[in-house]
Amino acid sequence: MKPSLPTLLSINGGYVDTAGFLALHGLFTAHVTGNFVTFGASMVLGTSGAIAKLLALPVFCIVVILAHLLGGDLSRRKLPVLRIILTLKFLLLVLAAIFAISFGPFASGDGWQAILTGMTLVSAMAIQNALHRIHLASAPPTTLMTGTTTQIMIDIADLLLGTAPEAKATIKARLGRMGAAVGGFACGCAAAALLFMFAGVECFLVPPVMALVGILFHASKPQAKPA
């Protein structure tokens, strides 16, 4: 069976976050929360990459706003919103791969080359976060697993306690979706770590390929209307 679009996004989210963290001196590219921690660590320990970590949040926010505005405009024009937004993310990942291979490996996270590469990846993942919230809202998050893992543990506890048959079916269905999200993200993280170890910055060739797979096999399917 082919993985669903949310599962593919989770794999790519874990991959990009891990590859970015390893190549760009601790920069989280798929979610912004971790950069608050690593920015503080950079300030205290004097490690590189503080500028990129500081820029990640405003860049992320601006791109989410622009993606939402673009989506609204495309919708009014009756154009295929999800496919176009996914294609934009794909192009940004291609650009990030070109930057990473051209400029990397990065001796410092504070150079303009590393910052440019990092912000391109942050922009791509901001688009993924925006399209998930707007077009795939019923699916588990694809870039942050804390809430999903918490819900999985709660559901497991409910099953152990015993629930009504109707509730059990709902819980099991939710566990399947959330398990696929967490498993996909974890597989993406592991794949990125292994490929970075053996291939270095060439590992950034993989995310655009996965994004292209998502476009070719899933973006043309009928999607739920935005919430």
C-alpha atoms as a PDB file:
ATOM      1  CA  MET A   1       0.000   0.000   0.000  1.00  0.00           C
ATOM      2  CA  LYS A   2       1.190   3.507  -0.791  1.00  0.00           C
ATOM      3  CA  PRO A   3       1.742   5.744   2.230  1.00  0.00           C
ATOM      4  CA  SER A   4      -0.688   8.607   2.615  1.00  0.00           C
ATOM      5  CA  LEU A   5       0.344  12.181   1.879  1.00  0.00           C
ATOM      6  CA  PRO A   6       0.505  13.037   5.634  1.00  0.00           C
ATOM      7  CA  THR A   7       2.835  10.065   6.200  1.00  0.00           C
ATOM      8  CA  LEU A   8       5.116  11.183   3.360  1.00  0.00           C
ATOM      9  CA  LEU A   9       5.145  14.683   4.853  1.00  0.00           C
ATOM     10  CA  SER A  10       6.069  13.237   8.258  1.00  0.00           C
ATOM     11  CA  ILE A  11       8.983  11.290   6.763  1.00  0.00           C
ATOM     12  CA  ASN A  12      10.207  14.403   4.972  1.00  0.00           C
ATOM     13  CA  GLY A  13       9.697  16.531   8.081  1.00  0.00           C
ATOM     14  CA  GLY A  14      11.844  14.246  10.215  1.00  0.00           C
ATOM     15  CA  TYR A  15      14.452  13.973   7.485  1.00  0.00           C
ATOM     16  CA  VAL A  16      14.789  17.716   6.866  1.00  0.00           C
ATOM     17  CA  ASP A  17      14.833  18.550  10.580  1.00  0.00           C
ATOM     18  CA  THR A  18      17.607  16.029  11.290  1.00  0.00           C
ATOM     19  CA  ALA A  19      19.697  16.845   8.217  1.00  0.00           C
ATOM     20  CA  GLY A  20      19.409  20.564   8.948  1.00  0.00           C
ATOM     21  CA  PHE A  21      20.347  20.083  12.587  1.00  0.00           C
ATOM     22  CA  LEU A  22      23.450  18.065  11.677  1.00  0.00           C
ATOM     23  CA  ALA A  23      24.638  20.193   8.760  1.00  0.00           C
ATOM     24  CA  LEU A  24      23.724  23.654  10.058  1.00  0.00           C
ATOM     25  CA  HIS A  25      25.105  23.548  13.597  1.00  0.00           C
ATOM     26  CA  GLY A  26      21.966  22.753  15.537  1.00  0.00           C
ATOM     27  CA  LEU A  27      19.354  24.610  13.472  1.00  0.00           C
ATOM     28  CA  PHE A  28      15.863  23.109  13.617  1.00  0.00           C
ATOM     29  CA  THR A  29      14.299  23.705  10.206  1.00  0.00           C
ATOM     30  CA  ALA A  30      10.956  21.903  10.479  1.00  0.00           C
ATOM     31  CA  HIS A  31       9.692  23.445  13.725  1.00  0.00           C
ATOM     32  CA  VAL A  32      10.652  26.593  15.599  1.00  0.00           C
ATOM     33  CA  THR A  33      10.378  25.569  19.261  1.00  0.00           C
ATOM     34  CA  GLY A  34      13.760  23.875  19.482  1.00  0.00           C
ATOM     35  CA  ASN A  35      15.541  26.954  18.161  1.00  0.00           C
ATOM     36  CA  PHE A  36      14.646  28.897  21.318  1.00  0.00           C
ATOM     37  CA  VAL A  37      16.615  26.312  23.295  1.00  0.00           C
ATOM     38  CA  THR A  38      19.554  26.076  20.913  1.00  0.00           C
ATOM     39  CA  PHE A  39      19.742  29.868  20.594  1.00  0.00           C
ATOM     40  CA  GLY A  40      20.052  30.144  24.368  1.00  0.00           C
ATOM     41  CA  ALA A  41      22.711  27.428  24.336  1.00  0.00           C
ATOM     42  CA  SER A  42      24.623  29.301  21.619  1.00  0.00           C
ATOM     43  CA  MET A  43      24.560  32.466  23.722  1.00  0.00           C
ATOM     44  CA  VAL A  44      25.853  30.696  26.820  1.00  0.00           C
ATOM     45  CA  LEU A  45      28.321  28.275  25.230  1.00  0.00           C
ATOM     46  CA  GLY A  46      29.471  30.500  22.368  1.00  0.00           C
ATOM     47  CA  THR A  47      28.675  27.928  19.684  1.00  0.00           C
ATOM     48  CA  SER A  48      27.984  29.018  16.115  1.00  0.00           C
ATOM     49  CA  GLY A  49      24.627  29.382  14.398  1.00  0.00           C
ATOM     50  CA  ALA A  50      22.996  31.886  16.761  1.00  0.00           C
ATOM     51  CA  ILE A  51      22.005  34.270  13.950  1.00  0.00           C
ATOM     52  CA  ALA A  52      20.230  31.552  11.960  1.00  0.00           C
ATOM     53  CA  LYS A  53      18.387  30.354  15.060  1.00  0.00           C
ATOM     54  CA  LEU A  54      17.289  33.908  15.791  1.00  0.00           C
ATOM     55  CA  LEU A  55      16.111  34.437  12.194  1.00  0.00           C
ATOM     56  CA  ALA A  56      14.258  31.130  11.986  1.00  0.00           C
ATOM     57  CA  LEU A  57      11.143  32.314  13.850  1.00  0.00           C
ATOM     58  CA  PRO A  58      10.428  35.518  11.862  1.00  0.00           C
ATOM     59  CA  VAL A  59      11.215  33.767   8.570  1.00  0.00           C
ATOM     60  CA  PHE A  60       8.911  30.898   9.519  1.00  0.00           C
ATOM     61  CA  CYS A  61       6.093  33.278  10.488  1.00  0.00           C
ATOM     62  CA  ILE A  62       6.395  35.412   7.352  1.00  0.00           C
ATOM     63  CA  VAL A  63       6.374  32.380   5.056  1.00  0.00           C
ATOM     64  CA  VAL A  64       3.306  30.887   6.784  1.00  0.00           C
ATOM     65  CA  ILE A  65       1.444  34.186   6.287  1.00  0.00           C
ATOM     66  CA  LEU A  66       2.486  34.390   2.627  1.00  0.00           C
ATOM     67  CA  ALA A  67       1.556  30.739   2.024  1.00  0.00           C
ATOM     68  CA  HIS A  68      -1.898  31.305   3.505  1.00  0.00           C
ATOM     69  CA  LEU A  69      -2.429  34.434   1.408  1.00  0.00           C
ATOM     70  CA  LEU A  70      -1.266  32.606  -1.708  1.00  0.00           C
ATOM     71  CA  GLY A  71      -3.573  29.701  -0.940  1.00  0.00           C
ATOM     72  CA  GLY A  72      -6.532  32.062  -0.578  1.00  0.00           C
ATOM     73  CA  ASP A  73      -5.756  33.710  -3.903  1.00  0.00           C
ATOM     74  CA  LEU A  74      -5.367  30.366  -5.667  1.00  0.00           C
ATOM     75  CA  SER A  75      -8.649  29.166  -4.179  1.00  0.00           C
ATOM     76  CA  ARG A  76     -10.486  32.251  -5.440  1.00  0.00           C
ATOM     77  CA  ARG A  77      -9.071  31.575  -8.893  1.00  0.00           C
ATOM     78  CA  LYS A  78     -10.247  27.947  -8.590  1.00  0.00           C
ATOM     79  CA  LEU A  79      -6.724  26.626  -9.101  1.00  0.00           C
ATOM     80  CA  PRO A  80      -5.360  23.404  -7.505  1.00  0.00           C
ATOM     81  CA  VAL A  81      -4.180  24.926  -4.221  1.00  0.00           C
ATOM     82  CA  LEU A  82      -2.582  21.895  -2.595  1.00  0.00           C
ATOM     83  CA  ARG A  83      -0.693  20.849  -5.707  1.00  0.00           C
ATOM     84  CA  ILE A  84       0.693  24.345  -6.276  1.00  0.00           C
ATOM     85  CA  ILE A  85       1.702  24.811  -2.636  1.00  0.00           C
ATOM     86  CA  LEU A  86       3.407  21.409  -2.611  1.00  0.00           C
ATOM     87  CA  THR A  87       5.229  22.334  -5.813  1.00  0.00           C
ATOM     88  CA  LEU A  88       6.451  25.553  -4.207  1.00  0.00           C
ATOM     89  CA  LYS A  89       7.785  23.548  -1.272  1.00  0.00           C
ATOM     90  CA  PHE A  90       9.462  21.164  -3.716  1.00  0.00           C
ATOM     91  CA  LEU A  91      11.195  24.060  -5.496  1.00  0.00           C
ATOM     92  CA  LEU A  92      12.466  25.453  -2.201  1.00  0.00           C
ATOM     93  CA  LEU A  93      13.860  22.035  -1.264  1.00  0.00           C
ATOM     94  CA  VAL A  94      15.594  21.830  -4.645  1.00  0.00           C
ATOM     95  CA  LEU A  95      17.091  25.269  -4.038  1.00  0.00           C
ATOM     96  CA  ALA A  96      18.193  24.259  -0.530  1.00  0.00           C
ATOM     97  CA  ALA A  97      19.887  21.140  -1.918  1.00  0.00           C
ATOM     98  CA  ILE A  98      21.753  23.259  -4.476  1.00  0.00           C
ATOM     99  CA  PHE A  99      22.902  25.653  -1.747  1.00  0.00           C
ATOM    100  CA  ALA A 100      23.936  22.855   0.617  1.00  0.00           C
ATOM    101  CA  ILE A 101      25.976  21.022  -2.003  1.00  0.00           C
ATOM    102  CA  SER A 102      27.475  24.209  -3.468  1.00  0.00           C
ATOM    103  CA  PHE A 103      28.429  25.832  -0.159  1.00  0.00           C
ATOM    104  CA  GLY A 104      28.733  22.926   2.260  1.00  0.00           C
ATOM    105  CA  PRO A 105      30.002  21.410   4.382  1.00  0.00           C
ATOM    106  CA  PHE A 106      29.541  24.379   6.669  1.00  0.00           C
ATOM    107  CA  ALA A 107      32.426  25.082   9.030  1.00  0.00           C
ATOM    108  CA  SER A 108      30.312  27.680  10.837  1.00  0.00           C
ATOM    109  CA  GLY A 109      26.593  28.229  11.229  1.00  0.00           C
ATOM    110  CA  ASP A 110      27.061  32.026  11.153  1.00  0.00           C
ATOM    111  CA  GLY A 111      28.270  32.366   7.557  1.00  0.00           C
ATOM    112  CA  TRP A 112      25.856  33.762   4.996  1.00  0.00           C
ATOM    113  CA  GLN A 113      25.999  30.498   3.055  1.00  0.00           C
ATOM    114  CA  ALA A 114      24.771  28.474   6.028  1.00  0.00           C
ATOM    115  CA  ILE A 115      22.149  31.082   6.898  1.00  0.00           C
ATOM    116  CA  LEU A 116      20.867  31.190   3.310  1.00  0.00           C
ATOM    117  CA  THR A 117      20.634  27.396   3.177  1.00  0.00           C
ATOM    118  CA  GLY A 118      18.981  27.240   6.575  1.00  0.00           C
ATOM    119  CA  MET A 119      16.371  29.890   5.854  1.00  0.00           C
ATOM    120  CA  THR A 120      15.497  28.197   2.558  1.00  0.00           C
ATOM    121  CA  LEU A 121      14.853  24.960   4.449  1.00  0.00           C
ATOM    122  CA  VAL A 122      12.893  26.820   7.129  1.00  0.00           C
ATOM    123  CA  SER A 123      10.752  28.389   4.386  1.00  0.00           C
ATOM    124  CA  ALA A 124      10.043  24.990   2.817  1.00  0.00           C
ATOM    125  CA  MET A 125       9.030  23.520   6.158  1.00  0.00           C
ATOM    126  CA  ALA A 126       6.938  26.577   7.016  1.00  0.00           C
ATOM    127  CA  ILE A 127       4.964  25.885   3.844  1.00  0.00           C
ATOM    128  CA  GLN A 128       4.546  22.258   4.909  1.00  0.00           C
ATOM    129  CA  ASN A 129       3.259  23.351   8.326  1.00  0.00           C
ATOM    130  CA  ALA A 130       0.848  25.826   6.742  1.00  0.00           C
ATOM    131  CA  LEU A 131      -0.573  23.378   4.195  1.00  0.00           C
ATOM    132  CA  HIS A 132      -1.028  20.771   6.929  1.00  0.00           C
ATOM    133  CA  ARG A 133      -2.990  23.126   9.178  1.00  0.00           C
ATOM    134  CA  ILE A 134      -5.176  24.392   6.332  1.00  0.00           C
ATOM    135  CA  HIS A 135      -5.617  21.425   3.987  1.00  0.00           C
ATOM    136  CA  LEU A 136      -4.844  18.328   6.101  1.00  0.00           C
ATOM    137  CA  ALA A 137      -6.154  19.468   9.470  1.00  0.00           C
ATOM    138  CA  SER A 138      -7.660  16.068  10.303  1.00  0.00           C
ATOM    139  CA  ALA A 139      -4.227  14.394  10.015  1.00  0.00           C
ATOM    140  CA  PRO A 140      -1.665  14.359  12.851  1.00  0.00           C
ATOM    141  CA  PRO A 141       1.101  16.999  12.730  1.00  0.00           C
ATOM    142  CA  THR A 142       3.960  16.164  10.378  1.00  0.00           C
ATOM    143  CA  THR A 143       6.811  18.123  11.975  1.00  0.00           C
ATOM    144  CA  LEU A 144       6.257  17.979  15.746  1.00  0.00           C
ATOM    145  CA  MET A 145       5.570  14.706  17.539  1.00  0.00           C
ATOM    146  CA  THR A 146       5.177  15.688  21.214  1.00  0.00           C
ATOM    147  CA  GLY A 147       1.404  16.149  21.165  1.00  0.00           C
ATOM    148  CA  THR A 148       0.906  13.131  18.912  1.00  0.00           C
ATOM    149  CA  THR A 149       2.980  10.880  21.170  1.00  0.00           C
ATOM    150  CA  THR A 150       1.061  12.115  24.224  1.00  0.00           C
ATOM    151  CA  GLN A 151      -2.269  11.275  22.565  1.00  0.00           C
ATOM    152  CA  ILE A 152      -0.977   7.824  21.582  1.00  0.00           C
ATOM    153  CA  MET A 153      -0.098   7.065  25.202  1.00  0.00           C
ATOM    154  CA  ILE A 154      -3.511   8.329  26.384  1.00  0.00           C
ATOM    155  CA  ASP A 155      -5.272   6.142  23.818  1.00  0.00           C
ATOM    156  CA  ILE A 156      -3.225   3.096  24.829  1.00  0.00           C
ATOM    157  CA  ALA A 157      -4.123   3.723  28.470  1.00  0.00           C
ATOM    158  CA  ASP A 158      -7.822   3.981  27.523  1.00  0.00           C
ATOM    159  CA  LEU A 159      -7.647   0.672  25.660  1.00  0.00           C
ATOM    160  CA  LEU A 160      -5.989  -0.964  28.666  1.00  0.00           C
ATOM    161  CA  LEU A 161      -8.712   0.372  30.960  1.00  0.00           C
ATOM    162  CA  GLY A 162     -11.433  -0.881  28.642  1.00  0.00           C
ATOM    163  CA  THR A 163     -13.813   1.200  26.546  1.00  0.00           C
ATOM    164  CA  ALA A 164     -17.093   0.783  24.725  1.00  0.00           C
ATOM    165  CA  PRO A 165     -16.846  -0.992  21.334  1.00  0.00           C
ATOM    166  CA  GLU A 166     -17.706   2.201  19.412  1.00  0.00           C
ATOM    167  CA  ALA A 167     -15.079   4.207  21.269  1.00  0.00           C
ATOM    168  CA  LYS A 168     -12.524   1.407  20.816  1.00  0.00           C
ATOM    169  CA  ALA A 169     -12.907   1.524  17.028  1.00  0.00           C
ATOM    170  CA  THR A 170     -12.392   5.298  17.023  1.00  0.00           C
ATOM    171  CA  ILE A 171      -9.336   5.018  19.249  1.00  0.00           C
ATOM    172  CA  LYS A 172      -7.768   2.288  17.118  1.00  0.00           C
ATOM    173  CA  ALA A 173      -8.302   4.312  13.946  1.00  0.00           C
ATOM    174  CA  ARG A 174      -6.688   7.353  15.568  1.00  0.00           C
ATOM    175  CA  LEU A 175      -3.794   5.218  16.816  1.00  0.00           C
ATOM    176  CA  GLY A 176      -3.195   4.011  13.255  1.00  0.00           C
ATOM    177  CA  ARG A 177      -3.000   7.547  11.874  1.00  0.00           C
ATOM    178  CA  MET A 178      -0.845   8.853  14.710  1.00  0.00           C
ATOM    179  CA  GLY A 179       1.401   5.806  14.729  1.00  0.00           C
ATOM    180  CA  ALA A 180       2.066   6.310  11.020  1.00  0.00           C
ATOM    181  CA  ALA A 181       2.971   9.966  11.663  1.00  0.00           C
ATOM    182  CA  VAL A 182       5.392   9.191  14.491  1.00  0.00           C
ATOM    183  CA  GLY A 183       6.851   6.165  12.714  1.00  0.00           C
ATOM    184  CA  GLY A 184       7.310   8.116   9.492  1.00  0.00           C
ATOM    185  CA  PHE A 185       8.974  11.012  11.294  1.00  0.00           C
ATOM    186  CA  ALA A 186      11.306   8.635  13.155  1.00  0.00           C
ATOM    187  CA  CYS A 187      12.225   6.842   9.916  1.00  0.00           C
ATOM    188  CA  GLY A 188      12.978  10.200   8.306  1.00  0.00           C
ATOM    189  CA  CYS A 189      15.224  11.167  11.212  1.00  0.00           C
ATOM    190  CA  ALA A 190      17.109   7.855  11.081  1.00  0.00           C
ATOM    191  CA  ALA A 191      17.538   8.001   7.302  1.00  0.00           C
ATOM    192  CA  ALA A 192      18.879  11.562   7.446  1.00  0.00           C
ATOM    193  CA  ALA A 193      21.363  10.712  10.181  1.00  0.00           C
ATOM    194  CA  LEU A 194      22.681   7.691   8.284  1.00  0.00           C
ATOM    195  CA  LEU A 195      22.919   9.473   4.942  1.00  0.00           C
ATOM    196  CA  PHE A 196      24.583  12.509   6.488  1.00  0.00           C
ATOM    197  CA  MET A 197      27.146  10.201   8.082  1.00  0.00           C
ATOM    198  CA  PHE A 198      28.020   8.567   4.766  1.00  0.00           C
ATOM    199  CA  ALA A 199      27.204  11.240   2.165  1.00  0.00           C
ATOM    200  CA  GLY A 200      27.517  14.563   4.002  1.00  0.00           C
ATOM    201  CA  VAL A 201      25.587  17.483   2.500  1.00  0.00           C
ATOM    202  CA  GLU A 202      24.601  15.359  -0.513  1.00  0.00           C
ATOM    203  CA  CYS A 203      21.915  13.953   1.795  1.00  0.00           C
ATOM    204  CA  PHE A 204      19.899  17.094   0.979  1.00  0.00           C
ATOM    205  CA  LEU A 205      19.146  15.595  -2.457  1.00  0.00           C
ATOM    206  CA  VAL A 206      16.584  13.287  -0.821  1.00  0.00           C
ATOM    207  CA  PRO A 207      13.937  15.781   0.462  1.00  0.00           C
ATOM    208  CA  PRO A 208      13.051  17.198  -2.982  1.00  0.00           C
ATOM    209  CA  VAL A 209      12.734  13.655  -4.331  1.00  0.00           C
ATOM    210  CA  MET A 210      10.307  12.758  -1.535  1.00  0.00           C
ATOM    211  CA  ALA A 211       8.423  15.999  -2.118  1.00  0.00           C
ATOM    212  CA  LEU A 212       8.137  15.155  -5.810  1.00  0.00           C
ATOM    213  CA  VAL A 213       6.763  11.715  -4.949  1.00  0.00           C
ATOM    214  CA  GLY A 214       4.091  13.407  -2.858  1.00  0.00           C
ATOM    215  CA  ILE A 215       3.122  15.672  -5.757  1.00  0.00           C
ATOM    216  CA  LEU A 216       3.024  12.892  -8.347  1.00  0.00           C
ATOM    217  CA  PHE A 217       1.108  10.301  -6.366  1.00  0.00           C
ATOM    218  CA  HIS A 218      -1.018  12.216  -3.885  1.00  0.00           C
ATOM    219  CA  ALA A 219      -1.565  15.910  -4.626  1.00  0.00           C
ATOM    220  CA  SER A 220      -4.004  15.196  -7.448  1.00  0.00           C
ATOM    221  CA  LYS A 221      -6.275  13.178  -5.151  1.00  0.00           C
ATOM    222  CA  PRO A 222      -9.441  14.870  -3.859  1.00  0.00           C
ATOM    223  CA  GLN A 223      -8.627  16.577  -0.550  1.00  0.00           C
ATOM    224  CA  ALA A 224     -10.847  17.633   2.292  1.00  0.00           C
ATOM    225  CA  LYS A 225     -11.974  21.228   2.145  1.00  0.00           C
ATOM    226  CA  PRO A 226     -10.075  23.665   4.397  1.00  0.00           C
ATOM    227  CA  ALA A 227     -11.418  23.862   7.928  1.00  0.00           C
END
